[in-house]
Amino acid sequence: MPAGLLDSAVDAIGDTPLVALDRICRGLDGRVLAKLEFANPGFSKKDRAALTIIDEAERRGDLQPGQTVVELTSGNMGTGLAIVCAVRGYPFVAVISRGNSIERARMMEALGAEVVLVDQLPQSKPGQVSGGDLAEVERVAREITRERNAFRADQFSRDGNRLAHYRHTGPEIWAQSGGQVTHFCDFVGSGGSYAGISRYLKEQDASIGCYVVEPSRARALATGRVDDPDHPIQGGGYAMTSLEFLRDAAVDGYLGVSGRDARAAARRLAREEGIFGGYSAGANLAAALELLAGPARGGVVAILVCDSGLKYLSTDLWR
């Protein structure tokens, strides 16, 4: 095969760019470096987790040839699994709440996935997926897994999620930054990217400050208190008081970001830096700027642009 020619889209996962946000940080004491995870084939960081979960399942013999794969998703993990399963020959069923943006479901269907849309709870708000909504999606995913004798990808507990970021994303950030990173913050969904990247960075320099980002009124991990579980930052902040991947993860602090501040930061990212990210990217940027005004003053904060703004065109992010 000629040098530079890839065998499939799966081989294009990873090695995403790291960009200095020096326009946004002009006049501030410090820098923010943004890892552009929307440069993956499925436009999100979850492509990495999807690939490693399937690789690990094949290696262990947990996934048989032609077996159906099932997963609950806000859309990004499902898109990554749809790509990997299409290339590897596994039927894929994505179970997703109707509270997530419709672009995500349509993209998964276009990639060959069977998409099962789950109604939100009566008290839930469209576009805002609560912990209760996620629990209902989990119930449906379990039923389908049992009925079809399927392999459950289970991004909240299968270690391939964390390993993808420990083996690849973390080392990429460290190498691309020239080892200059002093702080890292991440909006938490499953916790896989935070756990994997923070572990790698701490192994390089134990003084690197690593911070978990949550919605400001649903700080379940930081305080156990949830004043309002409804927020527009899709893909995380489900008001879950514990996450498997965070049990042994080093956490130097917790930061709360409102939906309004995440929205404003995502818009700044697009208009000032030309980087078209989603809600969680805005949350990460808002948290990083807060760090630069405090414990990270004079330092270098690494963040993820977790997915593409294209997945939010139907939401209030761009209205």
Protein backbone atom coordinates (compact mmCIF):
# COMPACT_ATOMS: atom_id res chain seq x y z
CA MET A 1 0.00 0.00 0.00
CA PRO A 2 1.41 3.45 -0.87
CA ALA A 3 2.74 5.50 2.05
CA GLY A 4 0.01 7.77 3.39
CA LEU A 5 -2.85 5.66 1.99
CA LEU A 6 -5.13 4.32 4.74
CA ASP A 7 -6.91 0.98 4.58
CA SER A 8 -10.17 2.36 6.04
CA ALA A 9 -11.76 5.26 7.90
CA VAL A 10 -10.93 3.44 11.14
CA ASP A 11 -7.24 4.07 10.44
CA ALA A 12 -7.96 7.81 10.32
CA ILE A 13 -8.98 7.87 13.99
CA GLY A 14 -6.58 9.81 16.21
CA ASP A 15 -3.61 12.13 15.66
CA THR A 16 -5.90 15.17 15.78
CA PRO A 17 -4.46 18.72 15.78
CA LEU A 18 -3.64 20.73 18.91
CA VAL A 19 -4.30 24.45 18.43
CA ALA A 20 -3.25 27.40 20.61
CA LEU A 21 -6.20 29.71 21.32
CA ASP A 22 -4.01 32.79 21.41
CA ARG A 23 -6.68 35.13 20.02
CA ILE A 24 -9.12 34.32 22.81
CA CYS A 25 -6.30 34.41 25.36
CA ARG A 26 -4.91 37.75 24.16
CA GLY A 27 -4.16 39.87 27.22
CA LEU A 28 -4.45 36.93 29.62
CA ASP A 29 -1.61 35.48 31.66
CA GLY A 30 -1.38 32.01 30.16
CA ARG A 31 -2.51 29.91 27.19
CA VAL A 32 -5.24 27.45 26.29
CA LEU A 33 -4.46 24.59 23.89
CA ALA A 34 -7.42 22.94 22.18
CA LYS A 35 -7.32 19.35 20.91
CA LEU A 36 -9.59 19.27 17.83
CA GLU A 37 -11.36 15.95 18.30
CA PHE A 38 -13.91 16.80 15.61
CA ALA A 39 -11.11 16.00 13.14
CA ASN A 40 -11.85 12.31 13.73
CA PRO A 41 -13.97 10.60 11.03
CA GLY A 42 -17.09 10.67 13.19
CA PHE A 43 -16.46 14.28 14.25
CA SER A 44 -15.86 13.50 17.94
CA LYS A 45 -13.52 12.13 20.59
CA LYS A 46 -15.74 9.06 20.98
CA ASP A 47 -14.33 7.54 17.78
CA ARG A 48 -11.25 6.69 19.84
CA ALA A 49 -13.23 4.96 22.58
CA ALA A 50 -15.39 3.08 20.08
CA LEU A 51 -12.35 1.67 18.29
CA THR A 52 -10.53 0.61 21.45
CA ILE A 53 -13.64 -0.98 22.99
CA ILE A 54 -14.15 -3.08 19.83
CA ASP A 55 -10.43 -3.91 19.59
CA GLU A 56 -10.38 -5.08 23.22
CA ALA A 57 -13.59 -7.11 22.78
CA GLU A 58 -12.15 -8.85 19.69
CA ARG A 59 -8.87 -9.53 21.47
CA ARG A 60 -10.62 -11.10 24.46
CA GLY A 61 -13.10 -13.07 22.37
CA ASP A 62 -16.08 -11.20 23.86
CA LEU A 63 -17.33 -10.17 20.41
CA GLN A 64 -18.01 -12.84 17.81
CA PRO A 65 -17.90 -12.37 14.00
CA GLY A 66 -21.16 -10.88 12.77
CA GLN A 67 -22.55 -10.36 16.28
CA THR A 68 -24.76 -7.32 16.84
CA VAL A 69 -23.31 -4.46 18.88
CA VAL A 70 -25.64 -2.33 21.05
CA GLU A 71 -24.96 0.89 22.91
CA LEU A 72 -26.74 3.77 24.55
CA THR A 73 -25.42 7.06 23.27
CA SER A 74 -25.96 10.80 23.11
CA GLY A 75 -24.86 10.43 19.50
CA ASN A 76 -21.09 10.67 19.50
CA MET A 77 -20.24 7.19 20.79
CA GLY A 78 -22.91 5.81 18.50
CA THR A 79 -21.37 7.54 15.50
CA GLY A 80 -17.94 6.15 16.36
CA LEU A 81 -19.34 2.65 16.79
CA ALA A 82 -21.31 2.95 13.53
CA ILE A 83 -18.06 3.67 11.69
CA VAL A 84 -16.05 0.90 13.36
CA CYS A 85 -18.85 -1.65 13.03
CA ALA A 86 -19.39 -0.81 9.35
CA VAL A 87 -15.72 -1.45 8.61
CA ARG A 88 -15.47 -4.57 10.82
CA GLY A 89 -18.78 -6.14 9.71
CA TYR A 90 -20.91 -5.92 12.86
CA PRO A 91 -24.57 -4.82 12.83
CA PHE A 92 -24.96 -1.88 15.20
CA VAL A 93 -27.97 -0.64 17.20
CA ALA A 94 -27.77 2.85 18.73
CA VAL A 95 -30.19 3.67 21.54
CA ILE A 96 -30.59 7.42 22.02
CA SER A 97 -32.86 9.81 23.88
CA ARG A 98 -35.11 12.07 21.84
CA GLY A 99 -33.66 14.89 23.95
CA ASN A 100 -30.45 14.83 21.92
CA SER A 101 -30.11 16.85 18.72
CA ILE A 102 -31.66 15.16 15.68
CA GLU A 103 -28.45 15.59 13.65
CA ARG A 104 -26.84 12.87 15.72
CA ALA A 105 -29.51 10.27 15.00
CA ARG A 106 -29.51 11.10 11.31
CA MET A 107 -25.75 10.78 11.07
CA MET A 108 -25.79 7.35 12.72
CA GLU A 109 -28.54 6.18 10.36
CA ALA A 110 -26.54 7.44 7.38
CA LEU A 111 -23.60 5.34 8.60
CA GLY A 112 -25.76 2.20 8.61
CA ALA A 113 -26.79 2.04 12.27
CA GLU A 114 -30.23 1.02 13.44
CA VAL A 115 -31.33 3.92 15.64
CA VAL A 116 -33.83 3.43 18.46
CA LEU A 117 -35.21 6.73 19.76
CA VAL A 118 -36.35 6.71 23.38
CA ASP A 119 -38.97 9.19 24.61
CA GLN A 120 -37.95 11.57 27.37
CA LEU A 121 -39.60 11.49 30.77
CA PRO A 122 -42.74 13.68 31.05
CA GLN A 123 -40.97 16.35 33.12
CA SER A 124 -37.89 16.55 30.88
CA LYS A 125 -37.17 19.42 28.50
CA PRO A 126 -36.50 18.88 24.78
CA GLY A 127 -32.80 19.30 24.05
CA GLN A 128 -31.83 18.66 27.68
CA VAL A 129 -31.15 15.03 28.62
CA SER A 130 -31.48 14.37 32.35
CA GLY A 131 -30.14 11.49 34.42
CA GLY A 132 -33.67 10.06 34.41
CA ASP A 133 -33.77 10.19 30.61
CA LEU A 134 -30.43 8.41 30.48
CA ALA A 135 -31.71 5.70 32.84
CA GLU A 136 -34.63 5.05 30.48
CA VAL A 137 -32.24 4.78 27.53
CA GLU A 138 -30.16 2.33 29.57
CA ARG A 139 -33.25 0.20 30.28
CA VAL A 140 -34.10 -0.02 26.57
CA ALA A 141 -30.48 -0.79 25.63
CA ARG A 142 -30.40 -3.67 28.11
CA GLU A 143 -33.62 -5.10 26.70
CA ILE A 144 -32.33 -5.01 23.13
CA THR A 145 -28.99 -6.52 24.16
CA ARG A 146 -30.78 -9.42 25.83
CA GLU A 147 -33.30 -9.98 23.02
CA ARG A 148 -30.66 -10.05 20.29
CA ASN A 149 -27.89 -11.79 22.23
CA ALA A 150 -25.79 -8.77 21.38
CA PHE A 151 -22.49 -7.39 22.59
CA ARG A 152 -23.01 -4.33 24.78
CA ALA A 153 -20.30 -1.74 24.13
CA ASP A 154 -21.05 -0.14 27.55
CA GLN A 155 -18.95 3.01 27.36
CA PHE A 156 -19.53 3.74 31.06
CA SER A 157 -17.64 0.66 32.24
CA ARG A 158 -15.60 -1.02 29.49
CA ASP A 159 -11.99 -0.04 30.01
CA GLY A 160 -11.37 0.48 26.30
CA ASN A 161 -12.95 3.91 26.74
CA ARG A 162 -10.34 5.06 29.27
CA LEU A 163 -7.49 3.20 27.56
CA ALA A 164 -8.11 4.98 24.25
CA HIS A 165 -7.28 8.31 25.87
CA TYR A 166 -4.49 6.97 28.09
CA ARG A 167 -2.74 5.30 25.15
CA HIS A 168 -3.36 7.93 22.49
CA THR A 169 -5.03 11.27 23.33
CA GLY A 170 -2.90 12.00 26.40
CA PRO A 171 0.42 11.16 24.70
CA GLU A 172 -0.59 13.23 21.66
CA ILE A 173 -1.35 16.29 23.82
CA TRP A 174 1.95 15.94 25.67
CA ALA A 175 4.03 15.51 22.52
CA GLN A 176 2.25 18.21 20.50
CA SER A 177 2.59 20.73 23.33
CA GLY A 178 6.26 19.99 23.77
CA GLY A 179 5.54 18.95 27.35
CA GLN A 180 4.35 22.46 28.25
CA VAL A 181 0.91 21.55 29.65
CA THR A 182 0.48 22.61 33.28
CA HIS A 183 -3.29 22.05 33.63
CA PHE A 184 -6.07 20.00 32.04
CA CYS A 185 -9.85 20.27 32.39
CA ASP A 186 -12.60 18.17 30.86
CA PHE A 187 -16.41 18.18 30.82
CA VAL A 188 -17.36 14.72 32.08
CA GLY A 189 -19.81 12.33 30.45
CA SER A 190 -18.67 8.75 30.94
CA GLY A 191 -15.41 10.02 32.44
CA GLY A 192 -13.25 8.03 30.03
CA SER A 193 -11.40 10.93 28.43
CA TYR A 194 -10.79 12.66 31.76
CA ALA A 195 -9.52 9.47 33.44
CA GLY A 196 -7.26 8.42 30.58
CA ILE A 197 -5.73 11.80 29.78
CA SER A 198 -5.27 12.89 33.40
CA ARG A 199 -3.54 9.62 34.28
CA TYR A 200 -1.10 9.97 31.41
CA LEU A 201 -0.37 13.62 32.13
CA LYS A 202 0.15 12.95 35.85
CA GLU A 203 2.66 10.22 34.94
CA GLN A 204 4.66 12.79 32.99
CA ASP A 205 4.49 15.43 35.73
CA ALA A 206 2.58 14.86 38.96
CA SER A 207 2.18 18.63 39.46
CA ILE A 208 -0.10 19.02 36.43
CA GLY A 209 -3.49 20.18 37.74
CA CYS A 210 -6.44 18.15 36.45
CA TYR A 211 -10.01 19.41 36.87
CA VAL A 212 -13.43 17.87 36.28
CA VAL A 213 -16.00 20.16 34.61
CA GLU A 214 -19.73 19.85 35.37
CA PRO A 215 -22.88 21.92 34.80
CA SER A 216 -23.02 24.66 37.45
CA ARG A 217 -26.42 23.57 38.79
CA ALA A 218 -25.83 19.81 38.54
CA ARG A 219 -22.54 19.36 40.37
CA ALA A 220 -23.20 15.80 41.44
CA LEU A 221 -19.55 14.73 41.36
CA ALA A 222 -18.25 17.78 43.18
CA THR A 223 -20.86 18.17 45.90
CA GLY A 224 -23.49 15.47 45.47
CA ARG A 225 -25.96 18.32 45.08
CA VAL A 226 -28.16 18.75 42.01
CA ASP A 227 -30.24 21.93 42.01
CA ASP A 228 -31.35 21.53 38.39
CA PRO A 229 -30.53 18.43 36.31
CA ASP A 230 -31.72 20.10 33.09
CA HIS A 231 -29.03 21.86 31.04
CA PRO A 232 -28.20 22.16 27.33
CA ILE A 233 -24.65 20.71 27.46
CA GLN A 234 -25.29 17.41 25.68
CA GLY A 235 -23.09 14.36 26.22
CA GLY A 236 -22.51 14.73 29.96
CA GLY A 237 -23.52 16.30 33.24
CA TYR A 238 -26.12 13.61 33.90
CA ALA A 239 -26.24 14.33 37.65
CA MET A 240 -24.65 10.93 38.39
CA THR A 241 -22.93 10.98 41.78
CA SER A 242 -20.35 8.35 40.82
CA LEU A 243 -18.64 7.17 37.64
CA GLU A 244 -16.60 3.99 37.30
CA PHE A 245 -13.69 5.69 35.54
CA LEU A 246 -13.34 8.41 38.16
CA ARG A 247 -12.99 6.06 41.15
CA ASP A 248 -9.21 5.94 40.93
CA ALA A 249 -8.66 9.09 38.89
CA ALA A 250 -6.71 11.99 40.35
CA VAL A 251 -8.90 15.10 40.61
CA ASP A 252 -7.35 18.38 41.73
CA GLY A 253 -10.63 20.26 41.63
CA TYR A 254 -14.10 20.65 40.17
CA LEU A 255 -15.40 23.50 38.02
CA GLY A 256 -19.03 24.38 37.33
CA VAL A 257 -20.08 25.94 34.01
CA SER A 258 -23.58 27.19 33.17
CA GLY A 259 -25.26 26.42 29.87
CA ARG A 260 -25.20 30.14 29.10
CA ASP A 261 -21.45 30.39 29.65
CA ALA A 262 -20.79 27.22 27.65
CA ARG A 263 -22.87 28.63 24.79
CA ALA A 264 -21.04 31.97 24.85
CA ALA A 265 -17.63 30.28 24.92
CA ALA A 266 -18.50 27.97 22.01
CA ARG A 267 -19.56 30.99 19.98
CA ARG A 268 -16.32 32.78 20.84
CA LEU A 269 -14.38 29.70 19.79
CA ALA A 270 -16.07 29.80 16.38
CA ARG A 271 -15.96 33.54 15.77
CA GLU A 272 -12.51 34.35 17.16
CA GLU A 273 -10.58 31.14 16.44
CA GLY A 274 -12.49 29.62 13.51
CA ILE A 275 -13.05 26.41 15.50
CA PHE A 276 -16.59 25.05 15.15
CA GLY A 277 -17.16 22.97 18.27
CA GLY A 278 -20.17 21.87 20.29
CA TYR A 279 -21.57 22.68 23.71
CA SER A 280 -19.02 20.63 25.66
CA ALA A 281 -16.17 22.41 23.88
CA GLY A 282 -17.68 25.66 25.10
CA ALA A 283 -17.90 24.28 28.63
CA ASN A 284 -14.24 23.24 28.50
CA LEU A 285 -13.14 26.63 27.19
CA ALA A 286 -15.15 28.52 29.82
CA ALA A 287 -13.60 26.33 32.54
CA ALA A 288 -10.08 26.82 31.14
CA LEU A 289 -10.49 30.60 31.16
CA GLU A 290 -11.65 30.38 34.78
CA LEU A 291 -8.51 28.39 35.59
CA LEU A 292 -6.29 31.00 33.92
CA ALA A 293 -7.82 33.61 36.18
CA GLY A 294 -7.00 31.47 39.22
CA PRO A 295 -4.81 28.43 39.87
CA ALA A 296 -3.53 28.16 36.29
CA ARG A 297 -2.45 31.80 36.00
CA GLY A 298 0.72 31.92 33.90
CA GLY A 299 0.27 28.28 32.84
CA VAL A 300 -0.88 26.24 29.85
CA VAL A 301 -4.33 24.62 30.00
CA ALA A 302 -5.21 21.75 27.64
CA ILE A 303 -8.83 21.10 26.66
CA LEU A 304 -10.73 18.95 24.19
CA VAL A 305 -13.00 20.25 21.47
CA CYS A 306 -15.05 17.11 21.94
CA ASP A 307 -17.21 17.26 18.84
CA SER A 308 -18.36 19.38 15.91
CA GLY A 309 -20.79 22.26 15.99
CA LEU A 310 -22.48 20.64 13.00
CA LYS A 311 -24.15 18.28 15.48
CA TYR A 312 -25.96 21.21 17.14
CA LEU A 313 -27.41 23.18 14.24
CA SER A 314 -30.96 22.41 15.38
CA THR A 315 -30.27 23.56 18.96
CA ASP A 316 -30.07 27.00 20.52
CA LEU A 317 -26.26 26.91 20.38
CA TRP A 318 -26.26 28.66 17.00
CA ARG A 319 -29.52 30.63 17.19
